């Protein structure tokens, strides 16, 4: 028996999130079906990040155990034809038999994309949040700095979280922008941390957008964090703008 690690990309538009649910189409459910078909036995993957409905990924991670002698790097080629076109395994490999993607140190990077212009563009309808108001990106960059560090992010978490603690470490928050030739801008909010609370990145994005329109002063971010009150932060930004860019594990956690 060998443990196989998959790096999975997907367009989450047509799915009820990652986690398998009864009577709902999910990323995890589609992976389980494809792997079970390949191995001819019931398989349930272990995922690193349970993304929400409508959220996308470039590099989510999942593992499963396989009795096949096939080399680890071949699983992506065997599984991709069995998966829908909007789910693609970018890489597969054999990893340590005891590697668990939710029980070891890692760095997760999420990116929230905003289409800032007067009129929507169809190509971004499922991958960006259309935001028609002018944004002060300089103010957003100033505010972003305050999120860095180890904090209690209770103010940036949906009320029904099951997390044992709301303390998390944010390593970096970047605000990137590029102009669109036909007018408008793409603004990206990129957040890297050791883990995130339920809806935390989307609430950070919603709060930074409020800073961008002048509704929340950049200097108020530390006070909002310290308050631990959800109502003091901005709204939860819609899911379609969010993607999981990558998850990095220490090589010693994975390597054979």
C-alpha atoms as a PDB file:
ATOM      1  CA  UNK A   1       0.000   0.000   0.000  1.00  0.00           C
ATOM      2  CA  UNK A   2       1.369   3.443  -0.902  1.00  0.00           C
ATOM      3  CA  UNK A   3       0.066   6.943  -0.136  1.00  0.00           C
ATOM      4  CA  UNK A   4      -0.452   9.145  -3.190  1.00  0.00           C
ATOM      5  CA  UNK A   5      -0.497  12.944  -3.065  1.00  0.00           C
ATOM      6  CA  UNK A   6      -2.490  14.916  -5.665  1.00  0.00           C
ATOM      7  CA  UNK A   7      -2.289  18.618  -6.475  1.00  0.00           C
ATOM      8  CA  UNK A   8      -5.728  19.483  -7.771  1.00  0.00           C
ATOM      9  CA  UNK A   9      -6.952  22.508  -9.732  1.00  0.00           C
ATOM     10  CA  UNK A  10     -10.619  23.220 -10.356  1.00  0.00           C
ATOM     11  CA  UNK A  11     -13.224  25.723 -11.416  1.00  0.00           C
ATOM     12  CA  UNK A  12     -15.599  25.637  -8.473  1.00  0.00           C
ATOM     13  CA  UNK A  13     -18.515  27.355 -10.238  1.00  0.00           C
ATOM     14  CA  UNK A  14     -20.613  24.195 -10.609  1.00  0.00           C
ATOM     15  CA  UNK A  15     -19.796  22.619  -7.259  1.00  0.00           C
ATOM     16  CA  UNK A  16     -21.090  22.822  -3.709  1.00  0.00           C
ATOM     17  CA  UNK A  17     -17.560  23.213  -2.413  1.00  0.00           C
ATOM     18  CA  UNK A  18     -14.851  20.660  -1.737  1.00  0.00           C
ATOM     19  CA  UNK A  19     -16.327  18.487   0.995  1.00  0.00           C
ATOM     20  CA  UNK A  20     -18.471  15.525  -0.053  1.00  0.00           C
ATOM     21  CA  UNK A  21     -22.165  15.973   0.753  1.00  0.00           C
ATOM     22  CA  UNK A  22     -25.261  13.852   0.205  1.00  0.00           C
ATOM     23  CA  UNK A  23     -27.314  14.942  -2.833  1.00  0.00           C
ATOM     24  CA  UNK A  24     -24.755  17.581  -3.885  1.00  0.00           C
ATOM     25  CA  UNK A  25     -21.958  17.637  -6.466  1.00  0.00           C
ATOM     26  CA  UNK A  26     -18.589  18.380  -4.848  1.00  0.00           C
ATOM     27  CA  UNK A  27     -14.903  18.326  -5.783  1.00  0.00           C
ATOM     28  CA  UNK A  28     -14.137  15.645  -3.203  1.00  0.00           C
ATOM     29  CA  UNK A  29     -17.034  13.544  -4.429  1.00  0.00           C
ATOM     30  CA  UNK A  30     -15.807  13.649  -8.026  1.00  0.00           C
ATOM     31  CA  UNK A  31     -12.278  12.703  -6.947  1.00  0.00           C
ATOM     32  CA  UNK A  32     -13.584   9.811  -4.879  1.00  0.00           C
ATOM     33  CA  UNK A  33     -15.577   8.485  -7.836  1.00  0.00           C
ATOM     34  CA  UNK A  34     -12.651   8.736 -10.260  1.00  0.00           C
ATOM     35  CA  UNK A  35     -10.147   7.105  -7.891  1.00  0.00           C
ATOM     36  CA  UNK A  36     -12.611   4.378  -6.880  1.00  0.00           C
ATOM     37  CA  UNK A  37     -13.183   3.643 -10.569  1.00  0.00           C
ATOM     38  CA  UNK A  38      -9.432   3.370 -11.164  1.00  0.00           C
ATOM     39  CA  UNK A  39      -8.702   1.188  -8.140  1.00  0.00           C
ATOM     40  CA  UNK A  40     -11.959  -0.802  -8.298  1.00  0.00           C
ATOM     41  CA  UNK A  41     -12.599  -0.226  -4.602  1.00  0.00           C
ATOM     42  CA  UNK A  42     -14.247   2.505  -2.538  1.00  0.00           C
ATOM     43  CA  UNK A  43     -11.817   5.341  -1.860  1.00  0.00           C
ATOM     44  CA  UNK A  44     -12.208   8.546   0.159  1.00  0.00           C
ATOM     45  CA  UNK A  45      -9.492  11.164  -0.215  1.00  0.00           C
ATOM     46  CA  UNK A  46      -8.191  13.381   2.590  1.00  0.00           C
ATOM     47  CA  UNK A  47      -8.154  17.015   1.464  1.00  0.00           C
ATOM     48  CA  UNK A  48      -5.953  19.815   2.740  1.00  0.00           C
ATOM     49  CA  UNK A  49      -8.455  22.663   2.356  1.00  0.00           C
ATOM     50  CA  UNK A  50     -12.256  22.469   2.274  1.00  0.00           C
ATOM     51  CA  UNK A  51     -13.028  25.303  -0.115  1.00  0.00           C
ATOM     52  CA  UNK A  52     -16.579  26.680  -0.217  1.00  0.00           C
ATOM     53  CA  UNK A  53     -19.169  26.526  -2.981  1.00  0.00           C
ATOM     54  CA  UNK A  54     -18.086  28.568  -6.004  1.00  0.00           C
ATOM     55  CA  UNK A  55     -14.456  28.887  -4.855  1.00  0.00           C
ATOM     56  CA  UNK A  56     -11.674  27.843  -7.243  1.00  0.00           C
ATOM     57  CA  UNK A  57      -8.209  26.324  -6.819  1.00  0.00           C
ATOM     58  CA  UNK A  58      -4.919  26.101  -8.648  1.00  0.00           C
ATOM     59  CA  UNK A  59      -3.281  23.795  -6.128  1.00  0.00           C
ATOM     60  CA  UNK A  60      -5.414  22.148  -3.476  1.00  0.00           C
ATOM     61  CA  UNK A  61      -3.933  18.942  -2.071  1.00  0.00           C
ATOM     62  CA  UNK A  62      -5.458  15.530  -1.417  1.00  0.00           C
ATOM     63  CA  UNK A  63      -4.052  12.134  -0.468  1.00  0.00           C
ATOM     64  CA  UNK A  64      -5.305   8.544  -0.660  1.00  0.00           C
ATOM     65  CA  UNK A  65      -3.885   5.053  -0.239  1.00  0.00           C
ATOM     66  CA  UNK A  66      -3.458   2.789  -3.248  1.00  0.00           C
ATOM     67  CA  UNK A  67      -2.523  -0.900  -3.591  1.00  0.00           C
ATOM     68  CA  UNK A  68      -1.414  -0.456  -7.211  1.00  0.00           C
ATOM     69  CA  UNK A  69       2.235  -0.764  -8.195  1.00  0.00           C
ATOM     70  CA  UNK A  70       1.854   2.155 -10.620  1.00  0.00           C
ATOM     71  CA  UNK A  71       4.451   4.945 -10.074  1.00  0.00           C
ATOM     72  CA  UNK A  72       3.069   7.924  -8.161  1.00  0.00           C
ATOM     73  CA  UNK A  73       3.616  10.388 -11.011  1.00  0.00           C
ATOM     74  CA  UNK A  74       1.380   8.311 -13.322  1.00  0.00           C
ATOM     75  CA  UNK A  75      -1.800   8.714 -11.284  1.00  0.00           C
ATOM     76  CA  UNK A  76      -2.542  12.176 -12.688  1.00  0.00           C
ATOM     77  CA  UNK A  77      -2.559  10.766 -16.226  1.00  0.00           C
ATOM     78  CA  UNK A  78      -4.759   7.837 -15.206  1.00  0.00           C
ATOM     79  CA  UNK A  79      -7.258   9.966 -13.279  1.00  0.00           C
ATOM     80  CA  UNK A  80      -7.666  13.079 -15.442  1.00  0.00           C
ATOM     81  CA  UNK A  81      -9.649  11.271 -18.199  1.00  0.00           C
ATOM     82  CA  UNK A  82     -12.016  10.029 -15.472  1.00  0.00           C
ATOM     83  CA  UNK A  83     -12.662  13.528 -14.102  1.00  0.00           C
ATOM     84  CA  UNK A  84     -14.919  16.345 -15.382  1.00  0.00           C
ATOM     85  CA  UNK A  85     -13.177  18.981 -17.523  1.00  0.00           C
ATOM     86  CA  UNK A  86     -13.357  21.536 -14.702  1.00  0.00           C
ATOM     87  CA  UNK A  87     -11.266  19.379 -12.335  1.00  0.00           C
ATOM     88  CA  UNK A  88      -7.652  18.640 -13.333  1.00  0.00           C
ATOM     89  CA  UNK A  89      -4.893  16.947 -11.345  1.00  0.00           C
ATOM     90  CA  UNK A  90      -1.766  18.970 -12.027  1.00  0.00           C
ATOM     91  CA  UNK A  91       0.660  16.636 -10.266  1.00  0.00           C
ATOM     92  CA  UNK A  92       0.712  13.304  -8.454  1.00  0.00           C
ATOM     93  CA  UNK A  93       3.453  11.656  -6.416  1.00  0.00           C
ATOM     94  CA  UNK A  94       4.057   9.049  -3.766  1.00  0.00           C
ATOM     95  CA  UNK A  95       4.531  10.561  -0.306  1.00  0.00           C
ATOM     96  CA  UNK A  96       5.177   9.358   3.223  1.00  0.00           C
ATOM     97  CA  UNK A  97       2.670   6.756   4.380  1.00  0.00           C
ATOM     98  CA  UNK A  98       1.739   8.839   7.436  1.00  0.00           C
ATOM     99  CA  UNK A  99       1.493  12.207   5.685  1.00  0.00           C
ATOM    100  CA  UNK A 100      -1.798  13.943   6.536  1.00  0.00           C
ATOM    101  CA  UNK A 101      -2.378  17.298   4.764  1.00  0.00           C
ATOM    102  CA  UNK A 102      -4.417  18.768   7.627  1.00  0.00           C
ATOM    103  CA  UNK A 103      -2.145  17.656  10.472  1.00  0.00           C
ATOM    104  CA  UNK A 104       1.175  19.268   9.618  1.00  0.00           C
ATOM    105  CA  UNK A 105       2.619  22.738   9.202  1.00  0.00           C
ATOM    106  CA  UNK A 106       1.921  24.410   5.894  1.00  0.00           C
ATOM    107  CA  UNK A 107       1.559  27.773   4.201  1.00  0.00           C
ATOM    108  CA  UNK A 108      -1.633  28.424   2.282  1.00  0.00           C
ATOM    109  CA  UNK A 109      -1.981  31.235  -0.234  1.00  0.00           C
ATOM    110  CA  UNK A 110      -5.385  32.464  -1.353  1.00  0.00           C
ATOM    111  CA  UNK A 111      -6.037  35.143  -3.942  1.00  0.00           C
ATOM    112  CA  UNK A 112      -9.190  37.247  -4.216  1.00  0.00           C
ATOM    113  CA  UNK A 113      -9.800  38.862  -7.619  1.00  0.00           C
ATOM    114  CA  UNK A 114     -11.848  42.020  -8.104  1.00  0.00           C
ATOM    115  CA  UNK A 115     -12.950  43.407 -11.470  1.00  0.00           C
ATOM    116  CA  UNK A 116     -13.030  47.158 -10.848  1.00  0.00           C
ATOM    117  CA  UNK A 117     -14.776  48.947 -13.711  1.00  0.00           C
ATOM    118  CA  UNK A 118     -18.127  50.486 -14.637  1.00  0.00           C
ATOM    119  CA  UNK A 119     -19.538  47.534 -16.595  1.00  0.00           C
ATOM    120  CA  UNK A 120     -18.954  43.776 -16.116  1.00  0.00           C
ATOM    121  CA  UNK A 121     -16.905  41.669 -18.532  1.00  0.00           C
ATOM    122  CA  UNK A 122     -18.390  38.227 -19.297  1.00  0.00           C
ATOM    123  CA  UNK A 123     -15.093  36.327 -19.079  1.00  0.00           C
ATOM    124  CA  UNK A 124     -14.753  37.269 -15.401  1.00  0.00           C
ATOM    125  CA  UNK A 125     -18.300  36.414 -14.363  1.00  0.00           C
ATOM    126  CA  UNK A 126     -17.259  33.228 -12.514  1.00  0.00           C
ATOM    127  CA  UNK A 127     -13.717  34.171 -11.485  1.00  0.00           C
ATOM    128  CA  UNK A 128     -13.885  37.728 -10.154  1.00  0.00           C
ATOM    129  CA  UNK A 129     -16.111  39.958  -8.065  1.00  0.00           C
ATOM    130  CA  UNK A 130     -17.470  42.794 -10.207  1.00  0.00           C
ATOM    131  CA  UNK A 131     -17.063  45.998  -8.178  1.00  0.00           C
ATOM    132  CA  UNK A 132     -18.230  49.151  -9.907  1.00  0.00           C
ATOM    133  CA  UNK A 133     -16.964  51.722  -7.405  1.00  0.00           C
ATOM    134  CA  UNK A 134     -13.585  53.461  -7.546  1.00  0.00           C
ATOM    135  CA  UNK A 135     -10.940  51.915  -5.309  1.00  0.00           C
ATOM    136  CA  UNK A 136      -8.119  53.676  -3.501  1.00  0.00           C
ATOM    137  CA  UNK A 137      -5.550  50.910  -3.922  1.00  0.00           C
ATOM    138  CA  UNK A 138      -2.904  52.866  -1.983  1.00  0.00           C
ATOM    139  CA  UNK A 139      -5.194  52.905   1.074  1.00  0.00           C
ATOM    140  CA  UNK A 140      -5.852  49.166   0.642  1.00  0.00           C
ATOM    141  CA  UNK A 141      -2.094  48.488   0.589  1.00  0.00           C
ATOM    142  CA  UNK A 142      -1.666  50.522   3.756  1.00  0.00           C
ATOM    143  CA  UNK A 143      -4.447  48.582   5.481  1.00  0.00           C
ATOM    144  CA  UNK A 144      -3.124  45.212   4.314  1.00  0.00           C
ATOM    145  CA  UNK A 145       0.044  45.593   6.400  1.00  0.00           C
ATOM    146  CA  UNK A 146      -1.955  45.489   9.642  1.00  0.00           C
ATOM    147  CA  UNK A 147      -3.160  41.933   9.003  1.00  0.00           C
ATOM    148  CA  UNK A 148       0.362  40.513   9.075  1.00  0.00           C
ATOM    149  CA  UNK A 149       1.397  38.633  12.204  1.00  0.00           C
ATOM    150  CA  UNK A 150      -0.170  36.327  14.763  1.00  0.00           C
ATOM    151  CA  UNK A 151      -3.587  37.628  15.817  1.00  0.00           C
ATOM    152  CA  UNK A 152      -6.958  36.529  17.087  1.00  0.00           C
ATOM    153  CA  UNK A 153      -9.015  36.833  13.882  1.00  0.00           C
ATOM    154  CA  UNK A 154     -12.400  36.260  15.496  1.00  0.00           C
ATOM    155  CA  UNK A 155     -13.678  39.506  13.895  1.00  0.00           C
ATOM    156  CA  UNK A 156     -12.865  38.000  10.488  1.00  0.00           C
ATOM    157  CA  UNK A 157     -14.663  34.701  10.915  1.00  0.00           C
ATOM    158  CA  UNK A 158     -18.244  33.618  10.246  1.00  0.00           C
ATOM    159  CA  UNK A 159     -20.168  33.105  13.459  1.00  0.00           C
ATOM    160  CA  UNK A 160     -20.813  29.363  13.023  1.00  0.00           C
ATOM    161  CA  UNK A 161     -17.161  28.315  12.896  1.00  0.00           C
ATOM    162  CA  UNK A 162     -16.215  25.026  14.562  1.00  0.00           C
ATOM    163  CA  UNK A 163     -12.559  26.032  15.011  1.00  0.00           C
ATOM    164  CA  UNK A 164     -11.020  25.309  18.418  1.00  0.00           C
ATOM    165  CA  UNK A 165      -9.127  28.598  18.301  1.00  0.00           C
ATOM    166  CA  UNK A 166      -9.494  31.749  16.209  1.00  0.00           C
ATOM    167  CA  UNK A 167      -5.797  32.628  16.477  1.00  0.00           C
ATOM    168  CA  UNK A 168      -3.980  32.425  13.144  1.00  0.00           C
ATOM    169  CA  UNK A 169      -0.703  33.694  11.658  1.00  0.00           C
ATOM    170  CA  UNK A 170      -0.806  35.745   8.463  1.00  0.00           C
ATOM    171  CA  UNK A 171       2.594  35.908   6.787  1.00  0.00           C
ATOM    172  CA  UNK A 172       1.780  38.347   4.027  1.00  0.00           C
ATOM    173  CA  UNK A 173      -1.037  40.318   2.390  1.00  0.00           C
ATOM    174  CA  UNK A 174      -0.360  41.772  -1.058  1.00  0.00           C
ATOM    175  CA  UNK A 175      -2.515  44.063  -3.169  1.00  0.00           C
ATOM    176  CA  UNK A 176      -1.758  43.703  -6.881  1.00  0.00           C
ATOM    177  CA  UNK A 177      -3.361  45.599  -9.738  1.00  0.00           C
ATOM    178  CA  UNK A 178      -3.245  45.703 -13.500  1.00  0.00           C
ATOM    179  CA  UNK A 179      -5.047  47.942 -15.959  1.00  0.00           C
ATOM    180  CA  UNK A 180      -7.399  46.521 -18.562  1.00  0.00           C
ATOM    181  CA  UNK A 181      -6.842  47.946 -22.052  1.00  0.00           C
ATOM    182  CA  UNK A 182     -10.539  48.602 -22.599  1.00  0.00           C
ATOM    183  CA  UNK A 183     -10.850  50.355 -19.233  1.00  0.00           C
ATOM    184  CA  UNK A 184     -10.923  49.372 -15.605  1.00  0.00           C
ATOM    185  CA  UNK A 185      -8.589  47.362 -13.408  1.00  0.00           C
ATOM    186  CA  UNK A 186      -8.080  43.924 -11.990  1.00  0.00           C
ATOM    187  CA  UNK A 187      -7.256  44.169  -8.285  1.00  0.00           C
ATOM    188  CA  UNK A 188      -5.968  41.044  -6.535  1.00  0.00           C
ATOM    189  CA  UNK A 189      -5.781  40.536  -2.788  1.00  0.00           C
ATOM    190  CA  UNK A 190      -3.268  37.765  -2.054  1.00  0.00           C
ATOM    191  CA  UNK A 191      -3.138  36.381   1.490  1.00  0.00           C
ATOM    192  CA  UNK A 192      -0.641  33.826   2.849  1.00  0.00           C
ATOM    193  CA  UNK A 193      -1.044  32.220   6.251  1.00  0.00           C
ATOM    194  CA  UNK A 194      -0.653  29.046   8.268  1.00  0.00           C
ATOM    195  CA  UNK A 195      -4.377  28.399   8.042  1.00  0.00           C
ATOM    196  CA  UNK A 196      -7.641  30.296   7.795  1.00  0.00           C
ATOM    197  CA  UNK A 197     -10.944  30.451   9.622  1.00  0.00           C
ATOM    198  CA  UNK A 198     -14.263  29.931   7.878  1.00  0.00           C
ATOM    199  CA  UNK A 199     -14.710  32.770   5.336  1.00  0.00           C
ATOM    200  CA  UNK A 200     -11.681  34.581   6.799  1.00  0.00           C
ATOM    201  CA  UNK A 201     -10.074  35.492   3.458  1.00  0.00           C
ATOM    202  CA  UNK A 202     -13.392  36.634   1.982  1.00  0.00           C
ATOM    203  CA  UNK A 203     -14.024  38.840   5.034  1.00  0.00           C
ATOM    204  CA  UNK A 204     -10.512  40.291   4.812  1.00  0.00           C
ATOM    205  CA  UNK A 205     -11.202  41.011   1.125  1.00  0.00           C
ATOM    206  CA  UNK A 206     -14.568  42.588   1.927  1.00  0.00           C
ATOM    207  CA  UNK A 207     -12.953  44.741   4.616  1.00  0.00           C
ATOM    208  CA  UNK A 208     -10.154  45.892   2.307  1.00  0.00           C
ATOM    209  CA  UNK A 209     -12.735  46.841  -0.318  1.00  0.00           C
ATOM    210  CA  UNK A 210     -14.456  48.982   2.318  1.00  0.00           C
ATOM    211  CA  UNK A 211     -11.099  50.641   2.928  1.00  0.00           C
ATOM    212  CA  UNK A 212     -10.788  51.134  -0.828  1.00  0.00           C
ATOM    213  CA  UNK A 213     -14.020  53.129  -1.004  1.00  0.00           C
ATOM    214  CA  UNK A 214     -13.259  55.125   2.151  1.00  0.00           C
ATOM    215  CA  UNK A 215     -15.885  53.507   4.377  1.00  0.00           C
ATOM    216  CA  UNK A 216     -13.242  52.117   6.776  1.00  0.00           C
ATOM    217  CA  UNK A 217      -9.994  54.031   7.485  1.00  0.00           C
ATOM    218  CA  UNK A 218      -6.868  51.934   6.970  1.00  0.00           C
ATOM    219  CA  UNK A 219      -5.742  52.824  10.495  1.00  0.00           C
ATOM    220  CA  UNK A 220      -8.848  51.173  11.977  1.00  0.00           C
ATOM    221  CA  UNK A 221      -7.765  47.636  11.039  1.00  0.00           C
ATOM    222  CA  UNK A 222      -5.828  47.011  14.292  1.00  0.00           C
ATOM    223  CA  UNK A 223      -8.837  48.167  16.334  1.00  0.00           C
ATOM    224  CA  UNK A 224     -11.151  45.872  14.344  1.00  0.00           C
ATOM    225  CA  UNK A 225      -8.825  42.912  14.942  1.00  0.00           C
ATOM    226  CA  UNK A 226      -8.564  43.660  18.660  1.00  0.00           C
ATOM    227  CA  UNK A 227     -12.348  44.053  19.012  1.00  0.00           C
ATOM    228  CA  UNK A 228     -12.948  40.386  18.067  1.00  0.00           C
ATOM    229  CA  UNK A 229     -16.412  41.479  16.925  1.00  0.00           C
ATOM    230  CA  UNK A 230     -17.570  40.307  13.501  1.00  0.00           C
ATOM    231  CA  UNK A 231     -19.836  43.335  12.965  1.00  0.00           C
ATOM    232  CA  UNK A 232     -16.843  45.682  13.056  1.00  0.00           C
ATOM    233  CA  UNK A 233     -15.234  44.124   9.974  1.00  0.00           C
ATOM    234  CA  UNK A 234     -16.437  44.469   6.400  1.00  0.00           C
ATOM    235  CA  UNK A 235     -18.887  42.205   4.533  1.00  0.00           C
ATOM    236  CA  UNK A 236     -18.037  38.733   3.297  1.00  0.00           C
ATOM    237  CA  UNK A 237     -16.997  39.106  -0.344  1.00  0.00           C
ATOM    238  CA  UNK A 238     -18.729  36.729  -2.820  1.00  0.00           C
ATOM    239  CA  UNK A 239     -17.138  33.298  -3.404  1.00  0.00           C
ATOM    240  CA  UNK A 240     -16.457  33.500  -7.141  1.00  0.00           C
ATOM    241  CA  UNK A 241     -13.538  35.909  -6.679  1.00  0.00           C
ATOM    242  CA  UNK A 242     -11.612  33.506  -4.457  1.00  0.00           C
ATOM    243  CA  UNK A 243      -9.078  30.879  -5.483  1.00  0.00           C
ATOM    244  CA  UNK A 244      -6.652  28.736  -3.517  1.00  0.00           C
ATOM    245  CA  UNK A 245      -3.324  29.389  -5.236  1.00  0.00           C
ATOM    246  CA  UNK A 246      -1.077  26.930  -3.455  1.00  0.00           C
ATOM    247  CA  UNK A 247      -0.314  24.979  -0.314  1.00  0.00           C
ATOM    248  CA  UNK A 248       3.322  24.559   0.656  1.00  0.00           C
ATOM    249  CA  UNK A 249       4.432  21.813   3.028  1.00  0.00           C
ATOM    250  CA  UNK A 250       7.929  21.357   4.473  1.00  0.00           C
ATOM    251  CA  UNK A 251       9.668  18.847   2.153  1.00  0.00           C
ATOM    252  CA  UNK A 252      10.505  16.609   5.128  1.00  0.00           C
ATOM    253  CA  UNK A 253       6.750  16.151   5.763  1.00  0.00           C
ATOM    254  CA  UNK A 254       6.165  14.718   2.277  1.00  0.00           C
ATOM    255  CA  UNK A 255       9.376  13.209   0.941  1.00  0.00           C
ATOM    256  CA  UNK A 256       9.947   9.469   1.194  1.00  0.00           C
END
